[in-house]
Amino acid sequence: MLVLTRKSEQKIVIGNKKKIVITVLKVQGDQVSLGFDADRDTPIYRQELLKEIEAENTGGAVKQSNVDVKSLAQNLQLKTKKHSNPKYLKIKKSDSPQEEDVMAEQTSE
């Protein structure tokens, strides 16, 4: 761990191309106010919030060992064959929440 001592209004720069500039704004008792200047696409989180986000994300993830990919693929193929009709397509219109069967035109090239 790198330990730096900074005074109010002094800065720390992290990175080369995508720089993150950390400025010590004020020190009051045992609290330090920091300012972060970074690109908009660089997320900056407090550690306790990042842990919560990671916990939520891993809770919804499926562990690879629990998934039988081969049988999943076979089931998808069976469902596709069972419900597909070459003359009709399921179309969802943007102004309607329901799908409609629409006659598909066959074209020859």
Protein backbone atom coordinates (compact mmCIF):
# COMPACT_ATOMS: atom_id res chain seq x y z
CA MET A 1 0.00 0.00 0.00
CA LEU A 2 1.30 3.43 -0.92
CA VAL A 3 0.82 5.97 1.87
CA LEU A 4 0.88 9.68 0.98
CA THR A 5 0.51 12.73 3.17
CA ARG A 6 -1.35 15.65 1.60
CA LYS A 7 -2.51 19.02 2.84
CA SER A 8 -5.75 20.76 1.99
CA GLU A 9 -6.01 21.65 -1.75
CA GLN A 10 -3.14 19.31 -2.70
CA LYS A 11 -3.75 16.69 -5.39
CA ILE A 12 -2.89 13.10 -6.22
CA VAL A 13 -2.95 11.89 -9.86
CA ILE A 14 -3.63 8.22 -10.71
CA GLY A 15 -3.03 6.81 -14.19
CA ASN A 16 -1.49 8.11 -17.39
CA LYS A 17 -3.99 8.17 -20.25
CA LYS A 18 -7.17 8.07 -18.17
CA LYS A 19 -6.16 10.23 -15.27
CA ILE A 20 -8.03 10.37 -12.01
CA VAL A 21 -7.18 13.48 -9.99
CA ILE A 22 -7.95 13.33 -6.28
CA THR A 23 -7.96 16.65 -4.43
CA VAL A 24 -7.98 17.00 -0.65
CA LEU A 25 -10.73 19.58 -0.17
CA LYS A 26 -10.71 19.89 3.61
CA VAL A 27 -9.67 18.10 6.77
CA GLN A 28 -11.95 18.47 9.77
CA GLY A 29 -11.26 16.33 12.81
CA ASP A 30 -11.12 12.70 11.71
CA GLN A 31 -12.96 13.38 8.41
CA VAL A 32 -11.31 14.16 5.10
CA SER A 33 -13.28 15.58 2.17
CA LEU A 34 -11.94 14.44 -1.19
CA GLY A 35 -12.78 15.61 -4.70
CA PHE A 36 -12.43 13.24 -7.67
CA ASP A 37 -11.94 14.40 -11.25
CA ALA A 38 -12.22 11.59 -13.83
CA ASP A 39 -13.80 10.75 -17.17
CA ARG A 40 -17.55 10.19 -17.05
CA ASP A 41 -17.07 6.55 -18.02
CA THR A 42 -14.80 5.90 -15.01
CA PRO A 43 -16.97 4.72 -12.12
CA ILE A 44 -15.94 5.83 -8.63
CA TYR A 45 -17.57 4.12 -5.64
CA ARG A 46 -17.21 4.15 -1.89
CA GLN A 47 -15.93 0.73 -0.84
CA GLU A 48 -19.02 -0.21 1.17
CA LEU A 49 -21.31 0.58 -1.79
CA LEU A 50 -19.12 -1.36 -4.21
CA LYS A 51 -19.36 -4.43 -1.97
CA GLU A 52 -23.18 -4.15 -1.99
CA ILE A 53 -23.24 -3.81 -5.80
CA GLU A 54 -20.95 -6.81 -6.24
CA ALA A 55 -23.06 -8.88 -3.83
CA GLU A 56 -26.24 -8.05 -5.79
CA ASN A 57 -24.58 -8.85 -9.11
CA THR A 58 -23.23 -12.21 -7.97
CA GLY A 59 -26.58 -13.12 -6.41
CA GLY A 60 -28.25 -13.00 -9.82
CA ALA A 61 -25.47 -14.79 -11.67
CA VAL A 62 -25.76 -18.46 -12.55
CA LYS A 63 -22.80 -20.60 -11.61
CA GLN A 64 -21.40 -22.40 -14.62
CA SER A 65 -21.31 -25.74 -12.82
CA ASN A 66 -25.11 -25.61 -12.37
CA VAL A 67 -25.88 -25.20 -16.07
CA ASP A 68 -26.00 -28.11 -18.49
CA VAL A 69 -25.35 -26.18 -21.67
CA LYS A 70 -25.85 -29.15 -23.98
CA SER A 71 -29.34 -29.97 -22.71
CA LEU A 72 -30.22 -26.26 -22.66
CA ALA A 73 -29.27 -25.97 -26.34
CA GLN A 74 -31.27 -29.09 -27.20
CA ASN A 75 -34.34 -27.74 -25.40
CA LEU A 76 -34.07 -24.44 -27.22
CA GLN A 77 -33.82 -26.22 -30.57
CA LEU A 78 -36.87 -28.36 -29.77
CA LYS A 79 -38.92 -25.34 -28.75
CA THR A 80 -37.86 -23.45 -31.87
CA LYS A 81 -38.80 -26.35 -34.16
CA LYS A 82 -42.05 -27.01 -32.31
CA HIS A 83 -43.33 -23.43 -32.48
CA SER A 84 -41.96 -22.22 -35.78
CA ASN A 85 -44.09 -22.00 -38.87
CA PRO A 86 -42.19 -20.89 -41.97
CA LYS A 87 -45.19 -18.92 -43.23
CA TYR A 88 -45.64 -16.84 -40.10
CA LEU A 89 -43.41 -14.69 -37.94
CA LYS A 90 -44.11 -13.39 -34.45
CA ILE A 91 -43.93 -9.61 -34.68
CA LYS A 92 -44.24 -7.20 -31.77
CA LYS A 93 -45.43 -3.80 -32.93
CA SER A 94 -43.89 -0.84 -31.16
CA ASP A 95 -47.29 0.65 -30.29
CA SER A 96 -48.79 -2.65 -29.08
CA PRO A 97 -47.73 -4.79 -26.12
CA GLN A 98 -48.98 -7.96 -27.84
CA GLU A 99 -47.32 -10.09 -30.51
CA GLU A 100 -49.12 -10.80 -33.76
CA ASP A 101 -48.68 -13.53 -36.36
CA VAL A 102 -47.71 -11.89 -39.63
CA MET A 103 -47.46 -13.68 -42.98
CA ALA A 104 -43.82 -13.84 -44.06
CA GLU A 105 -43.14 -13.22 -47.71
CA GLN A 106 -40.72 -15.64 -49.29
CA THR A 107 -38.22 -14.06 -51.58
CA SER A 108 -35.91 -15.81 -53.99
CA GLU A 109 -32.55 -14.34 -54.85
